[in-house]
Amino acid sequence: MSTKNLTSLQEGESAKVASLLNTGSIKRRLQDLGLVEGTQVLCIQKSPYGDPVAYGIRGAVIALRTEDARCILVG
């Protein structure tokens, strides 16, 4: 199975989290939001300028900046 980063998902596309490459407090915050290995993530809506992007995670909608989403690998 190949992995890509979260930013490569198109609206309506979903994938499972393979790993987090983020570090420090942002990694902890993402894990607290439910972004752990095996979690299904749905790309709900991209902003007109592409940043931030709304993702559906475990029944919640969160907006992530591109710089943070690039460090989330999905497969």
C-alpha atoms as a PDB file:
ATOM      1  CA  MET A   1       0.000   0.000   0.000  1.00  0.00           C
ATOM      2  CA  SER A   2       1.398   3.396  -0.948  1.00  0.00           C
ATOM      3  CA  THR A   3       1.187   6.374   1.354  1.00  0.00           C
ATOM      4  CA  LYS A   4       0.659  10.019   0.489  1.00  0.00           C
ATOM      5  CA  ASN A   5       0.119  13.099   2.578  1.00  0.00           C
ATOM      6  CA  LEU A   6      -3.289  14.314   3.656  1.00  0.00           C
ATOM      7  CA  THR A   7      -3.151  17.352   1.360  1.00  0.00           C
ATOM      8  CA  SER A   8      -3.399  15.070  -1.685  1.00  0.00           C
ATOM      9  CA  LEU A   9      -6.997  14.079  -0.876  1.00  0.00           C
ATOM     10  CA  GLN A  10      -9.655  15.681  -3.065  1.00  0.00           C
ATOM     11  CA  GLU A  11     -13.054  16.818  -1.754  1.00  0.00           C
ATOM     12  CA  GLY A  12     -15.192  13.758  -1.005  1.00  0.00           C
ATOM     13  CA  GLU A  13     -12.198  11.404  -0.911  1.00  0.00           C
ATOM     14  CA  SER A  14     -11.243   9.508   2.240  1.00  0.00           C
ATOM     15  CA  ALA A  15      -8.257   7.529   3.488  1.00  0.00           C
ATOM     16  CA  LYS A  16      -6.885   5.991   6.670  1.00  0.00           C
ATOM     17  CA  VAL A  17      -4.110   7.609   8.682  1.00  0.00           C
ATOM     18  CA  ALA A  18      -0.842   5.712   8.290  1.00  0.00           C
ATOM     19  CA  SER A  19       1.355   7.902  10.520  1.00  0.00           C
ATOM     20  CA  LEU A  20       1.977  11.396  11.879  1.00  0.00           C
ATOM     21  CA  LEU A  21       5.276  13.095  11.101  1.00  0.00           C
ATOM     22  CA  ASN A  22       4.339  16.216  13.072  1.00  0.00           C
ATOM     23  CA  THR A  23       6.297  16.993  16.217  1.00  0.00           C
ATOM     24  CA  GLY A  24       5.746  18.695  19.528  1.00  0.00           C
ATOM     25  CA  SER A  25       2.478  20.172  20.675  1.00  0.00           C
ATOM     26  CA  ILE A  26       0.785  20.004  17.259  1.00  0.00           C
ATOM     27  CA  LYS A  27       1.315  16.223  17.151  1.00  0.00           C
ATOM     28  CA  ARG A  28      -0.225  15.861  20.612  1.00  0.00           C
ATOM     29  CA  ARG A  29      -3.171  18.091  19.628  1.00  0.00           C
ATOM     30  CA  LEU A  30      -3.837  16.064  16.470  1.00  0.00           C
ATOM     31  CA  GLN A  31      -3.736  12.832  18.467  1.00  0.00           C
ATOM     32  CA  ASP A  32      -6.168  14.329  21.000  1.00  0.00           C
ATOM     33  CA  LEU A  33      -8.519  15.121  18.096  1.00  0.00           C
ATOM     34  CA  GLY A  34      -8.454  11.445  17.085  1.00  0.00           C
ATOM     35  CA  LEU A  35      -5.848  11.486  14.344  1.00  0.00           C
ATOM     36  CA  VAL A  36      -4.114   8.222  15.147  1.00  0.00           C
ATOM     37  CA  GLU A  37      -3.025   5.334  12.962  1.00  0.00           C
ATOM     38  CA  GLY A  38      -6.009   3.622  11.332  1.00  0.00           C
ATOM     39  CA  THR A  39      -8.444   6.545  11.696  1.00  0.00           C
ATOM     40  CA  GLN A  40     -10.594   7.211   8.622  1.00  0.00           C
ATOM     41  CA  VAL A  41     -10.331  10.827   7.390  1.00  0.00           C
ATOM     42  CA  LEU A  42     -12.687  12.456   4.874  1.00  0.00           C
ATOM     43  CA  CYS A  43     -11.776  15.602   2.939  1.00  0.00           C
ATOM     44  CA  ILE A  44     -14.966  17.649   3.234  1.00  0.00           C
ATOM     45  CA  GLN A  45     -14.143  21.030   1.756  1.00  0.00           C
ATOM     46  CA  LYS A  46     -11.137  22.995   0.560  1.00  0.00           C
ATOM     47  CA  SER A  47     -11.019  26.748   1.014  1.00  0.00           C
ATOM     48  CA  PRO A  48     -11.010  28.865  -2.147  1.00  0.00           C
ATOM     49  CA  TYR A  49      -7.285  29.516  -1.716  1.00  0.00           C
ATOM     50  CA  GLY A  50      -6.614  25.943  -0.536  1.00  0.00           C
ATOM     51  CA  ASP A  51      -5.803  26.705   3.089  1.00  0.00           C
ATOM     52  CA  PRO A  52      -7.224  25.592   5.501  1.00  0.00           C
ATOM     53  CA  VAL A  53      -9.067  22.421   4.526  1.00  0.00           C
ATOM     54  CA  ALA A  54     -12.013  20.899   6.414  1.00  0.00           C
ATOM     55  CA  TYR A  55     -11.686  17.204   7.281  1.00  0.00           C
ATOM     56  CA  GLY A  56     -14.170  14.816   8.884  1.00  0.00           C
ATOM     57  CA  ILE A  57     -12.593  12.785  11.663  1.00  0.00           C
ATOM     58  CA  ARG A  58     -14.579  10.464  13.951  1.00  0.00           C
ATOM     59  CA  GLY A  59     -17.809  12.438  13.497  1.00  0.00           C
ATOM     60  CA  ALA A  60     -16.214  15.857  13.979  1.00  0.00           C
ATOM     61  CA  VAL A  61     -15.147  18.436  11.408  1.00  0.00           C
ATOM     62  CA  ILE A  62     -11.760  20.082  11.872  1.00  0.00           C
ATOM     63  CA  ALA A  63      -9.853  22.560   9.732  1.00  0.00           C
ATOM     64  CA  LEU A  64      -6.156  21.938   9.207  1.00  0.00           C
ATOM     65  CA  ARG A  65      -3.517  24.210   7.738  1.00  0.00           C
ATOM     66  CA  THR A  66      -1.631  22.833   4.750  1.00  0.00           C
ATOM     67  CA  GLU A  67       1.668  22.872   6.636  1.00  0.00           C
ATOM     68  CA  ASP A  68       0.195  20.561   9.309  1.00  0.00           C
ATOM     69  CA  ALA A  69      -1.698  18.310   6.875  1.00  0.00           C
ATOM     70  CA  ARG A  70       1.480  17.685   4.851  1.00  0.00           C
ATOM     71  CA  CYS A  71       2.936  15.854   7.842  1.00  0.00           C
ATOM     72  CA  ILE A  72       0.034  13.408   8.078  1.00  0.00           C
ATOM     73  CA  LEU A  73       0.538  10.314   5.954  1.00  0.00           C
ATOM     74  CA  VAL A  74      -2.521   8.424   4.705  1.00  0.00           C
ATOM     75  CA  GLY A  75      -2.887   5.257   2.690  1.00  0.00           C
END
